[in-house]
Amino acid sequence: MLGVPAPRTSERAYLTRLRRHGHLHDEDVVALEAQLGRIESYPAGKDLALVGAPPMFVMSGWACLSRTLRDGRRQILAFLLPGDGVGFDLLTRSQRSIEAIALTPLKVRYAQAGFTAGGDRLPRAFAAAAMVQQGRMIDQMVRLGRQTAYERMAHLLLELHGRLAEIGEVRGDSFHLPVKQEVLADALGLSLVHVNRTLQQMRRDGLIDMRGSQMTLLDRPAMELASDQSS
């Protein structure tokens, strides 16, 4: 559309994710792109102000959906990775109690007013994507409610690796983890000290290797066993 530069292929991970949920034709992609508008960039720490904002796709960077209590404690409900949509389904639609925060420098593309997923294939792809998001939210509830710190960490790292693999942002069993341990603590309902101890224990057990922001899963079968996941 006029006035909006076409995003680079690497920034169109939303198409990659939607295609995983449905066989989209060229005309579906054209119809979707025609309803997407402005592209915005935000610095790390920026509140994306969901209330009243149109739906959007994450093009690059990491963000999260979170809830902050009055005393400053924060619970991260979900990580938002490249290609993820926000506001297209009930779980991610704007609510005054939920914040969307940029965890790294972030680029998003907003839908135009009155966005509709027309046709047959696009609605099915969006519905399937919403079901996957619901499944991840259930996983998060189980992590927080019933798993140990060790199990929670293994489960989350496997999830992040899998989601990044879907859009080609892994190298084998290694991926870029651009968030600090404080963020992992907020996502897993743990203290910073507990997160650090858990990561160090997993490292001693030969499950992971950490080199700066590079995370490598060394023994995925053992991590899947520890986190009650199957291959």
Foldseek 3Di string as FASTA:
>chain_A
DPPADDDDPLQQCLVLLLCVQFPDDPVLVVLQVVQWDHKDKDAAFDWPPQVPFAKKFWRAAKKFKWAADPVGQIATQGIHHRNDIACLDPVRHDDPRIIIGGRHTTMMIGGHPPDDSDDDGSVSSSVSSVVVVVVVSVLLVCLQPPADPLLNVLVVLVVVQVVCVSSPQADVQKHFQPHDLVVVCNHRVHDSVSSVVSVVVCVVVQQWDDDPRMIGGRDNVVSCVNNVHDD
